Amino acid sequence: MSTFDDRKKSFEKKFAHDEELKFKVDARKNKYIAQWVSKILGYDEEKEKFYIQSVIKADFQEAGDEDVFRKIKVDLKDHNISDDEIRKKMNELNEKAFSDFS
């Protein structure tokens, strides 16, 4: 029975580690996205910090990236940036965030 318990504990630790990594990657991705949008909007350093927090908070509305996408789309509505360009940038920055932790 102890072999089974050891395997169970091992899987639980891996799951906890994977979830923590996913959280960190998502937070870093949201920071990068917010910095990208802040540059487009011409924000100074102080406004950028506030904007980063607003993007991170937006990500807690629902699972996945759609809540962040909607926020960014609204914020960039006057800047002629297509949905495809936003999604492409989000994917690019997600890969960058993931590579920061691997």
PDB file of N, CA and C in Angstrom:
ATOM      1  N   MET A   1       0.806  -1.196   0.000  1.00  0.00           N
ATOM      2  CA  MET A   1       0.000   0.000   0.000  1.00  0.00           C
ATOM      3  C   MET A   1       0.851   1.263   0.000  1.00  0.00           C
ATOM      4  N   SER A   2       2.059   1.201   0.554  1.00  0.00           N
ATOM      5  CA  SER A   2       2.873   2.410   0.621  1.00  0.00           C
ATOM      6  C   SER A   2       3.351   2.831  -0.778  1.00  0.00           C
ATOM      7  N   THR A   3       3.540   1.888  -1.692  1.00  0.00           N
ATOM      8  CA  THR A   3       3.924   2.253  -3.060  1.00  0.00           C
ATOM      9  C   THR A   3       2.814   3.053  -3.709  1.00  0.00           C
ATOM     10  N   PHE A   4       1.590   2.630  -3.507  1.00  0.00           N
ATOM     11  CA  PHE A   4       0.447   3.370  -4.044  1.00  0.00           C
ATOM     12  C   PHE A   4       0.372   4.761  -3.420  1.00  0.00           C
ATOM     13  N   ASP A   5       0.547   4.847  -2.117  1.00  0.00           N
ATOM     14  CA  ASP A   5       0.512   6.142  -1.427  1.00  0.00           C
ATOM     15  C   ASP A   5       1.637   7.058  -1.909  1.00  0.00           C
ATOM     16  N   ASP A   6       2.815   6.480  -2.128  1.00  0.00           N
ATOM     17  CA  ASP A   6       3.940   7.269  -2.635  1.00  0.00           C
ATOM     18  C   ASP A   6       3.637   7.822  -4.020  1.00  0.00           C
ATOM     19  N   ARG A   7       3.062   6.979  -4.876  1.00  0.00           N
ATOM     20  CA  ARG A   7       2.700   7.445  -6.220  1.00  0.00           C
ATOM     21  C   ARG A   7       1.649   8.545  -6.152  1.00  0.00           C
ATOM     22  N   LYS A   8       0.678   8.361  -5.285  1.00  0.00           N
ATOM     23  CA  LYS A   8      -0.379   9.355  -5.128  1.00  0.00           C
ATOM     24  C   LYS A   8       0.213  10.695  -4.675  1.00  0.00           C
ATOM     25  N   LYS A   9       1.079  10.655  -3.691  1.00  0.00           N
ATOM     26  CA  LYS A   9       1.715  11.877  -3.207  1.00  0.00           C
ATOM     27  C   LYS A   9       2.567  12.519  -4.296  1.00  0.00           C
ATOM     28  N   SER A  10       3.228  11.700  -5.069  1.00  0.00           N
ATOM     29  CA  SER A  10       4.060  12.204  -6.161  1.00  0.00           C
ATOM     30  C   SER A  10       3.202  12.927  -7.203  1.00  0.00           C
ATOM     31  N   PHE A  11       2.075  12.325  -7.563  1.00  0.00           N
ATOM     32  CA  PHE A  11       1.166  12.959  -8.519  1.00  0.00           C
ATOM     33  C   PHE A  11       0.581  14.257  -7.959  1.00  0.00           C
ATOM     34  N   GLU A  12       0.256  14.253  -6.679  1.00  0.00           N
ATOM     35  CA  GLU A  12      -0.274  15.463  -6.047  1.00  0.00           C
ATOM     36  C   GLU A  12       0.761  16.588  -6.058  1.00  0.00           C
ATOM     37  N   LYS A  13       2.010  16.255  -5.774  1.00  0.00           N
ATOM     38  CA  LYS A  13       3.072  17.265  -5.800  1.00  0.00           C
ATOM     39  C   LYS A  13       3.265  17.811  -7.215  1.00  0.00           C
ATOM     40  N   LYS A  14       3.243  16.913  -8.196  1.00  0.00           N
ATOM     41  CA  LYS A  14       3.410  17.357  -9.586  1.00  0.00           C
ATOM     42  C   LYS A  14       2.254  18.258  -9.999  1.00  0.00           C
ATOM     43  N   PHE A  15       1.043  17.881  -9.629  1.00  0.00           N
ATOM     44  CA  PHE A  15      -0.118  18.706  -9.951  1.00  0.00           C
ATOM     45  C   PHE A  15       0.010  20.089  -9.317  1.00  0.00           C
ATOM     46  N   ALA A  16       0.380  20.138  -8.053  1.00  0.00           N
ATOM     47  CA  ALA A  16       0.536  21.424  -7.352  1.00  0.00           C
ATOM     48  C   ALA A  16       1.627  22.258  -8.021  1.00  0.00           C
ATOM     49  N   HIS A  17       2.724  21.629  -8.386  1.00  0.00           N
ATOM     50  CA  HIS A  17       3.813  22.337  -9.065  1.00  0.00           C
ATOM     51  C   HIS A  17       3.344  22.880 -10.414  1.00  0.00           C
ATOM     52  N   ASP A  18       2.641  22.054 -11.185  1.00  0.00           N
ATOM     53  CA  ASP A  18       2.148  22.475 -12.500  1.00  0.00           C
ATOM     54  C   ASP A  18       1.169  23.639 -12.390  1.00  0.00           C
ATOM     55  N   GLU A  19       0.299  23.606 -11.394  1.00  0.00           N
ATOM     56  CA  GLU A  19      -0.663  24.686 -11.193  1.00  0.00           C
ATOM     57  C   GLU A  19       0.041  25.978 -10.785  1.00  0.00           C
ATOM     58  N   GLU A  20       1.045  25.861  -9.938  1.00  0.00           N
ATOM     59  CA  GLU A  20       1.804  27.043  -9.532  1.00  0.00           C
ATOM     60  C   GLU A  20       2.541  27.642 -10.728  1.00  0.00           C
ATOM     61  N   LEU A  21       3.129  26.789 -11.540  1.00  0.00           N
ATOM     62  CA  LEU A  21       3.822  27.258 -12.740  1.00  0.00           C
ATOM     63  C   LEU A  21       2.853  27.938 -13.695  1.00  0.00           C
ATOM     64  N   LYS A  22       1.687  27.359 -13.890  1.00  0.00           N
ATOM     65  CA  LYS A  22       0.687  27.955 -14.778  1.00  0.00           C
ATOM     66  C   LYS A  22       0.272  29.335 -14.272  1.00  0.00           C
ATOM     67  N   PHE A  23       0.079  29.459 -12.977  1.00  0.00           N
ATOM     68  CA  PHE A  23      -0.286  30.748 -12.382  1.00  0.00           C
ATOM     69  C   PHE A  23       0.801  31.784 -12.635  1.00  0.00           C
ATOM     70  N   LYS A  24       2.051  31.401 -12.417  1.00  0.00           N
ATOM     71  CA  LYS A  24       3.160  32.323 -12.618  1.00  0.00           C
ATOM     72  C   LYS A  24       3.287  32.741 -14.083  1.00  0.00           C
ATOM     73  N   VAL A  25       3.149  31.778 -14.988  1.00  0.00           N
ATOM     74  CA  VAL A  25       3.238  32.074 -16.421  1.00  0.00           C
ATOM     75  C   VAL A  25       2.106  33.011 -16.825  1.00  0.00           C
ATOM     76  N   ASP A  26       0.891  32.736 -16.359  1.00  0.00           N
ATOM     77  CA  ASP A  26      -0.250  33.600 -16.692  1.00  0.00           C
ATOM     78  C   ASP A  26      -0.041  35.028 -16.178  1.00  0.00           C
ATOM     79  N   ALA A  27       0.440  35.157 -14.966  1.00  0.00           N
ATOM     80  CA  ALA A  27       0.682  36.490 -14.396  1.00  0.00           C
ATOM     81  C   ALA A  27       1.748  37.229 -15.193  1.00  0.00           C
ATOM     82  N   ARG A  28       2.813  36.533 -15.556  1.00  0.00           N
ATOM     83  CA  ARG A  28       3.876  37.163 -16.337  1.00  0.00           C
ATOM     84  C   ARG A  28       3.377  37.548 -17.729  1.00  0.00           C
ATOM     85  N   LYS A  29       2.582  36.666 -18.338  1.00  0.00           N
ATOM     86  CA  LYS A  29       2.004  36.949 -19.657  1.00  0.00           C
ATOM     87  C   LYS A  29       1.129  38.200 -19.589  1.00  0.00           C
ATOM     88  N   ASN A  30       0.308  38.287 -18.567  1.00  0.00           N
ATOM     89  CA  ASN A  30      -0.562  39.457 -18.415  1.00  0.00           C
ATOM     90  C   ASN A  30       0.247  40.731 -18.216  1.00  0.00           C
ATOM     91  N   LYS A  31       1.352  40.629 -17.509  1.00  0.00           N
ATOM     92  CA  LYS A  31       2.233  41.789 -17.328  1.00  0.00           C
ATOM     93  C   LYS A  31       2.793  42.217 -18.679  1.00  0.00           C
ATOM     94  N   TYR A  32       3.289  41.263 -19.452  1.00  0.00           N
ATOM     95  CA  TYR A  32       3.851  41.593 -20.764  1.00  0.00           C
ATOM     96  C   TYR A  32       2.800  42.207 -21.689  1.00  0.00           C
ATOM     97  N   ILE A  33       1.605  41.648 -21.668  1.00  0.00           N
ATOM     98  CA  ILE A  33       0.527  42.172 -22.510  1.00  0.00           C
ATOM     99  C   ILE A  33       0.194  43.606 -22.090  1.00  0.00           C
ATOM    100  N   ALA A  34       0.091  43.821 -20.798  1.00  0.00           N
ATOM    101  CA  ALA A  34      -0.226  45.161 -20.293  1.00  0.00           C
ATOM    102  C   ALA A  34       0.872  46.160 -20.657  1.00  0.00           C
ATOM    103  N   GLN A  35       2.117  45.731 -20.617  1.00  0.00           N
ATOM    104  CA  GLN A  35       3.214  46.624 -21.015  1.00  0.00           C
ATOM    105  C   GLN A  35       3.123  46.968 -22.502  1.00  0.00           C
ATOM    106  N   TRP A  36       2.788  45.985 -23.315  1.00  0.00           N
ATOM    107  CA  TRP A  36       2.633  46.213 -24.759  1.00  0.00           C
ATOM    108  C   TRP A  36       1.524  47.231 -25.019  1.00  0.00           C
ATOM    109  N   VAL A  37       0.375  47.034 -24.390  1.00  0.00           N
ATOM    110  CA  VAL A  37      -0.753  47.948 -24.568  1.00  0.00           C
ATOM    111  C   VAL A  37      -0.413  49.334 -24.014  1.00  0.00           C
ATOM    112  N   SER A  38       0.255  49.380 -22.885  1.00  0.00           N
ATOM    113  CA  SER A  38       0.642  50.660 -22.286  1.00  0.00           C
ATOM    114  C   SER A  38       1.504  51.489 -23.227  1.00  0.00           C
ATOM    115  N   LYS A  39       2.416  50.832 -23.928  1.00  0.00           N
ATOM    116  CA  LYS A  39       3.256  51.552 -24.891  1.00  0.00           C
ATOM    117  C   LYS A  39       2.416  52.118 -26.020  1.00  0.00           C
ATOM    118  N   ILE A  40       1.464  51.334 -26.511  1.00  0.00           N
ATOM    119  CA  ILE A  40       0.584  51.798 -27.585  1.00  0.00           C
ATOM    120  C   ILE A  40      -0.236  52.997 -27.108  1.00  0.00           C
ATOM    121  N   LEU A  41      -0.707  52.937 -25.865  1.00  0.00           N
ATOM    122  CA  LEU A  41      -1.539  54.002 -25.320  1.00  0.00           C
ATOM    123  C   LEU A  41      -0.717  55.201 -24.834  1.00  0.00           C
ATOM    124  N   GLY A  42       0.598  55.059 -24.814  1.00  0.00           N
ATOM    125  CA  GLY A  42       1.459  56.167 -24.414  1.00  0.00           C
ATOM    126  C   GLY A  42       1.476  56.437 -22.924  1.00  0.00           C
ATOM    127  N   TYR A  43       1.269  55.406 -22.124  1.00  0.00           N
ATOM    128  CA  TYR A  43       1.242  55.581 -20.679  1.00  0.00           C
ATOM    129  C   TYR A  43       2.643  55.802 -20.119  1.00  0.00           C
ATOM    130  N   ASP A  44       2.709  56.617 -19.073  1.00  0.00           N
ATOM    131  CA  ASP A  44       3.969  56.771 -18.351  1.00  0.00           C
ATOM    132  C   ASP A  44       4.121  55.594 -17.383  1.00  0.00           C
ATOM    133  N   GLU A  45       5.218  55.554 -16.671  1.00  0.00           N
ATOM    134  CA  GLU A  45       5.523  54.421 -15.798  1.00  0.00           C
ATOM    135  C   GLU A  45       4.453  54.204 -14.728  1.00  0.00           C
ATOM    136  N   GLU A  46       3.959  55.283 -14.155  1.00  0.00           N
ATOM    137  CA  GLU A  46       2.940  55.170 -13.102  1.00  0.00           C
ATOM    138  C   GLU A  46       1.628  54.614 -13.652  1.00  0.00           C
ATOM    139  N   LYS A  47       1.197  55.142 -14.786  1.00  0.00           N
ATOM    140  CA  LYS A  47      -0.040  54.645 -15.395  1.00  0.00           C
ATOM    141  C   LYS A  47       0.124  53.202 -15.845  1.00  0.00           C
ATOM    142  N   GLU A  48       1.329  52.858 -16.308  1.00  0.00           N
ATOM    143  CA  GLU A  48       1.594  51.481 -16.735  1.00  0.00           C
ATOM    144  C   GLU A  48       1.423  50.518 -15.564  1.00  0.00           C
ATOM    145  N   LYS A  49       1.943  50.864 -14.395  1.00  0.00           N
ATOM    146  CA  LYS A  49       1.801  50.001 -13.213  1.00  0.00           C
ATOM    147  C   LYS A  49       0.333  49.777 -12.888  1.00  0.00           C
ATOM    148  N   PHE A  50      -0.447  50.832 -12.927  1.00  0.00           N
ATOM    149  CA  PHE A  50      -1.884  50.717 -12.669  1.00  0.00           C
ATOM    150  C   PHE A  50      -2.549  49.843 -13.737  1.00  0.00           C
ATOM    151  N   TYR A  51      -2.155  50.042 -14.976  1.00  0.00           N
ATOM    152  CA  TYR A  51      -2.754  49.276 -16.069  1.00  0.00           C
ATOM    153  C   TYR A  51      -2.409  47.788 -15.954  1.00  0.00           C
ATOM    154  N   ILE A  52      -1.183  47.478 -15.579  1.00  0.00           N
ATOM    155  CA  ILE A  52      -0.794  46.078 -15.380  1.00  0.00           C
ATOM    156  C   ILE A  52      -1.720  45.426 -14.352  1.00  0.00           C
ATOM    157  N   GLN A  53      -1.970  46.114 -13.253  1.00  0.00           N
ATOM    158  CA  GLN A  53      -2.866  45.576 -12.224  1.00  0.00           C
ATOM    159  C   GLN A  53      -4.277  45.377 -12.757  1.00  0.00           C
ATOM    160  N   SER A  54      -4.743  46.287 -13.605  1.00  0.00           N
ATOM    161  CA  SER A  54      -6.100  46.153 -14.143  1.00  0.00           C
ATOM    162  C   SER A  54      -6.209  44.964 -15.092  1.00  0.00           C
ATOM    163  N   VAL A  55      -5.153  44.677 -15.832  1.00  0.00           N
ATOM    164  CA  VAL A  55      -5.168  43.512 -16.724  1.00  0.00           C
ATOM    165  C   VAL A  55      -5.125  42.226 -15.906  1.00  0.00           C
ATOM    166  N   ILE A  56      -4.302  42.211 -14.877  1.00  0.00           N
ATOM    167  CA  ILE A  56      -4.242  41.023 -14.010  1.00  0.00           C
ATOM    168  C   ILE A  56      -5.598  40.775 -13.350  1.00  0.00           C
ATOM    169  N   LYS A  57      -6.245  41.829 -12.887  1.00  0.00           N
ATOM    170  CA  LYS A  57      -7.585  41.681 -12.279  1.00  0.00           C
ATOM    171  C   LYS A  57      -8.598  41.197 -13.305  1.00  0.00           C
ATOM    172  N   ALA A  58      -8.497  41.679 -14.530  1.00  0.00           N
ATOM    173  CA  ALA A  58      -9.430  41.253 -15.577  1.00  0.00           C
ATOM    174  C   ALA A  58      -9.328  39.752 -15.828  1.00  0.00           C
ATOM    175  N   ASP A  59      -8.146  39.190 -15.639  1.00  0.00           N
ATOM    176  CA  ASP A  59      -7.941  37.766 -15.892  1.00  0.00           C
ATOM    177  C   ASP A  59      -8.662  36.884 -14.884  1.00  0.00           C
ATOM    178  N   PHE A  60      -9.086  37.435 -13.766  1.00  0.00           N
ATOM    179  CA  PHE A  60      -9.790  36.645 -12.755  1.00  0.00           C
ATOM    180  C   PHE A  60     -11.295  36.555 -13.003  1.00  0.00           C
ATOM    181  N   GLN A  61     -11.795  37.192 -14.062  1.00  0.00           N
ATOM    182  CA  GLN A  61     -13.226  37.181 -14.333  1.00  0.00           C
ATOM    183  C   GLN A  61     -13.720  35.814 -14.779  1.00  0.00           C
ATOM    184  N   GLU A  62     -12.917  35.111 -15.577  1.00  0.00           N
ATOM    185  CA  GLU A  62     -13.302  33.781 -16.059  1.00  0.00           C
ATOM    186  C   GLU A  62     -12.054  33.013 -16.435  1.00  0.00           C
ATOM    187  N   ALA A  63     -12.198  31.716 -16.596  1.00  0.00           N
ATOM    188  CA  ALA A  63     -11.065  30.888 -16.997  1.00  0.00           C
ATOM    189  C   ALA A  63     -10.678  31.197 -18.441  1.00  0.00           C
ATOM    190  N   GLY A  64      -9.391  31.079 -18.730  1.00  0.00           N
ATOM    191  CA  GLY A  64      -8.916  31.323 -20.082  1.00  0.00           C
ATOM    192  C   GLY A  64      -8.534  32.771 -20.304  1.00  0.00           C
ATOM    193  N   ASP A  65      -8.229  33.088 -21.559  1.00  0.00           N
ATOM    194  CA  ASP A  65      -7.722  34.408 -21.917  1.00  0.00           C
ATOM    195  C   ASP A  65      -8.768  35.360 -22.483  1.00  0.00           C
ATOM    196  N   GLU A  66      -9.999  34.915 -22.630  1.00  0.00           N
ATOM    197  CA  GLU A  66     -11.007  35.761 -23.278  1.00  0.00           C
ATOM    198  C   GLU A  66     -11.313  37.033 -22.497  1.00  0.00           C
ATOM    199  N   ASP A  67     -11.260  36.958 -21.179  1.00  0.00           N
ATOM    200  CA  ASP A  67     -11.520  38.155 -20.380  1.00  0.00           C
ATOM    201  C   ASP A  67     -10.433  39.206 -20.605  1.00  0.00           C
ATOM    202  N   VAL A  68      -9.193  38.779 -20.690  1.00  0.00           N
ATOM    203  CA  VAL A  68      -8.088  39.702 -20.966  1.00  0.00           C
ATOM    204  C   VAL A  68      -8.200  40.233 -22.392  1.00  0.00           C
ATOM    205  N   PHE A  69      -8.508  39.343 -23.329  1.00  0.00           N
ATOM    206  CA  PHE A  69      -8.667  39.765 -24.722  1.00  0.00           C
ATOM    207  C   PHE A  69      -9.724  40.857 -24.852  1.00  0.00           C
ATOM    208  N   ARG A  70     -10.878  40.651 -24.219  1.00  0.00           N
ATOM    209  CA  ARG A  70     -11.953  41.648 -24.300  1.00  0.00           C
ATOM    210  C   ARG A  70     -11.509  42.997 -23.737  1.00  0.00           C
ATOM    211  N   LYS A  71     -10.821  42.967 -22.598  1.00  0.00           N
ATOM    212  CA  LYS A  71     -10.351  44.217 -21.993  1.00  0.00           C
ATOM    213  C   LYS A  71      -9.402  44.943 -22.939  1.00  0.00           C
ATOM    214  N   ILE A  72      -8.447  44.212 -23.469  1.00  0.00           N
ATOM    215  CA  ILE A  72      -7.453  44.825 -24.359  1.00  0.00           C
ATOM    216  C   ILE A  72      -8.116  45.352 -25.628  1.00  0.00           C
ATOM    217  N   LYS A  73      -9.052  44.591 -26.155  1.00  0.00           N
ATOM    218  CA  LYS A  73      -9.749  45.020 -27.374  1.00  0.00           C
ATOM    219  C   LYS A  73     -10.462  46.356 -27.143  1.00  0.00           C
ATOM    220  N   VAL A  74     -11.140  46.476 -26.019  1.00  0.00           N
ATOM    221  CA  VAL A  74     -11.829  47.729 -25.690  1.00  0.00           C
ATOM    222  C   VAL A  74     -10.810  48.862 -25.512  1.00  0.00           C
ATOM    223  N   ASP A  75      -9.728  48.580 -24.813  1.00  0.00           N
ATOM    224  CA  ASP A  75      -8.727  49.615 -24.545  1.00  0.00           C
ATOM    225  C   ASP A  75      -8.019  50.087 -25.815  1.00  0.00           C
ATOM    226  N   LEU A  76      -7.928  49.207 -26.810  1.00  0.00           N
ATOM    227  CA  LEU A  76      -7.231  49.554 -28.063  1.00  0.00           C
ATOM    228  C   LEU A  76      -8.185  49.904 -29.202  1.00  0.00           C
ATOM    229  N   LYS A  77      -9.454  50.109 -28.898  1.00  0.00           N
ATOM    230  CA  LYS A  77     -10.453  50.314 -29.946  1.00  0.00           C
ATOM    231  C   LYS A  77     -10.147  51.490 -30.873  1.00  0.00           C
ATOM    232  N   ASP A  78      -9.463  52.496 -30.396  1.00  0.00           N
ATOM    233  CA  ASP A  78      -9.162  53.685 -31.206  1.00  0.00           C
ATOM    234  C   ASP A  78      -7.787  53.625 -31.873  1.00  0.00           C
ATOM    235  N   HIS A  79      -7.175  52.441 -31.903  1.00  0.00           N
ATOM    236  CA  HIS A  79      -5.808  52.344 -32.408  1.00  0.00           C
ATOM    237  C   HIS A  79      -5.642  51.404 -33.609  1.00  0.00           C
ATOM    238  N   ASN A  80      -6.725  51.047 -34.264  1.00  0.00           N
ATOM    239  CA  ASN A  80      -6.662  50.226 -35.490  1.00  0.00           C
ATOM    240  C   ASN A  80      -5.836  48.952 -35.334  1.00  0.00           C
ATOM    241  N   ILE A  81      -6.035  48.233 -34.262  1.00  0.00           N
ATOM    242  CA  ILE A  81      -5.348  46.959 -34.054  1.00  0.00           C
ATOM    243  C   ILE A  81      -6.399  45.865 -34.125  1.00  0.00           C
ATOM    244  N   SER A  82      -6.198  44.938 -35.049  1.00  0.00           N
ATOM    245  CA  SER A  82      -7.191  43.897 -35.306  1.00  0.00           C
ATOM    246  C   SER A  82      -7.201  42.850 -34.192  1.00  0.00           C
ATOM    247  N   ASP A  83      -8.307  42.099 -34.144  1.00  0.00           N
ATOM    248  CA  ASP A  83      -8.415  40.996 -33.196  1.00  0.00           C
ATOM    249  C   ASP A  83      -7.294  39.990 -33.423  1.00  0.00           C
ATOM    250  N   ASP A  84      -7.011  39.710 -34.702  1.00  0.00           N
ATOM    251  CA  ASP A  84      -5.944  38.750 -35.014  1.00  0.00           C
ATOM    252  C   ASP A  84      -4.596  39.215 -34.500  1.00  0.00           C
ATOM    253  N   GLU A  85      -4.321  40.506 -34.634  1.00  0.00           N
ATOM    254  CA  GLU A  85      -3.049  41.041 -34.156  1.00  0.00           C
ATOM    255  C   GLU A  85      -2.956  40.946 -32.633  1.00  0.00           C
ATOM    256  N   ILE A  86      -4.065  41.220 -31.964  1.00  0.00           N
ATOM    257  CA  ILE A  86      -4.081  41.114 -30.497  1.00  0.00           C
ATOM    258  C   ILE A  86      -3.842  39.667 -30.080  1.00  0.00           C
ATOM    259  N   ARG A  87      -4.553  38.746 -30.701  1.00  0.00           N
ATOM    260  CA  ARG A  87      -4.399  37.319 -30.350  1.00  0.00           C
ATOM    261  C   ARG A  87      -2.984  36.822 -30.653  1.00  0.00           C
ATOM    262  N   LYS A  88      -2.442  37.259 -31.781  1.00  0.00           N
ATOM    263  CA  LYS A  88      -1.080  36.857 -32.139  1.00  0.00           C
ATOM    264  C   LYS A  88      -0.102  37.355 -31.084  1.00  0.00           C
ATOM    265  N   LYS A  89      -0.243  38.606 -30.670  1.00  0.00           N
ATOM    266  CA  LYS A  89       0.638  39.173 -29.648  1.00  0.00           C
ATOM    267  C   LYS A  89       0.460  38.447 -28.318  1.00  0.00           C
ATOM    268  N   MET A  90      -0.781  38.120 -27.965  1.00  0.00           N
ATOM    269  CA  MET A  90      -1.032  37.392 -26.723  1.00  0.00           C
ATOM    270  C   MET A  90      -0.335  36.031 -26.749  1.00  0.00           C
ATOM    271  N   ASN A  91      -0.421  35.331 -27.874  1.00  0.00           N
ATOM    272  CA  ASN A  91       0.246  34.025 -28.002  1.00  0.00           C
ATOM    273  C   ASN A  91       1.760  34.170 -27.910  1.00  0.00           C
ATOM    274  N   GLU A  92       2.290  35.180 -28.590  1.00  0.00           N
ATOM    275  CA  GLU A  92       3.729  35.434 -28.567  1.00  0.00           C
ATOM    276  C   GLU A  92       4.212  35.720 -27.148  1.00  0.00           C
ATOM    277  N   LEU A  93       3.476  36.537 -26.430  1.00  0.00           N
ATOM    278  CA  LEU A  93       3.877  36.895 -25.072  1.00  0.00           C
ATOM    279  C   LEU A  93       3.657  35.747 -24.085  1.00  0.00           C
ATOM    280  N   ASN A  94       2.699  34.876 -24.373  1.00  0.00           N
ATOM    281  CA  ASN A  94       2.516  33.678 -23.556  1.00  0.00           C
ATOM    282  C   ASN A  94       3.736  32.771 -23.693  1.00  0.00           C
ATOM    283  N   GLU A  95       4.220  32.600 -24.912  1.00  0.00           N
ATOM    284  CA  GLU A  95       5.415  31.785 -25.132  1.00  0.00           C
ATOM    285  C   GLU A  95       6.628  32.398 -24.439  1.00  0.00           C
ATOM    286  N   LYS A  96       6.736  33.730 -24.502  1.00  0.00           N
ATOM    287  CA  LYS A  96       7.849  34.410 -23.827  1.00  0.00           C
ATOM    288  C   LYS A  96       7.764  34.188 -22.323  1.00  0.00           C
ATOM    289  N   ALA A  97       6.571  34.342 -21.761  1.00  0.00           N
ATOM    290  CA  ALA A  97       6.384  34.137 -20.309  1.00  0.00           C
ATOM    291  C   ALA A  97       6.721  32.707 -19.918  1.00  0.00           C
ATOM    292  N   PHE A  98       6.294  31.746 -20.730  1.00  0.00           N
ATOM    293  CA  PHE A  98       6.586  30.336 -20.431  1.00  0.00           C
ATOM    294  C   PHE A  98       8.085  30.081 -20.464  1.00  0.00           C
ATOM    295  N   SER A  99       8.765  30.663 -21.444  1.00  0.00           N
ATOM    296  CA  SER A  99      10.221  30.453 -21.536  1.00  0.00           C
ATOM    297  C   SER A  99      10.956  31.094 -20.367  1.00  0.00           C
ATOM    298  N   ASP A 100      10.365  32.104 -19.742  1.00  0.00           N
ATOM    299  CA  ASP A 100      10.983  32.703 -18.561  1.00  0.00           C
ATOM    300  C   ASP A 100      11.101  31.715 -17.406  1.00  0.00           C
ATOM    301  N   PHE A 101      10.241  30.710 -17.392  1.00  0.00           N
ATOM    302  CA  PHE A 101      10.195  29.763 -16.290  1.00  0.00           C
ATOM    303  C   PHE A 101      10.722  28.382 -16.648  1.00  0.00           C
ATOM    304  N   SER A 102      11.231  28.231 -17.867  1.00  0.00           N
ATOM    305  CA  SER A 102      11.742  26.894 -18.223  1.00  0.00           C
ATOM    306  C   SER A 102      13.234  26.898 -18.434  1.00  0.00           C
TER     307      SER A 102
END
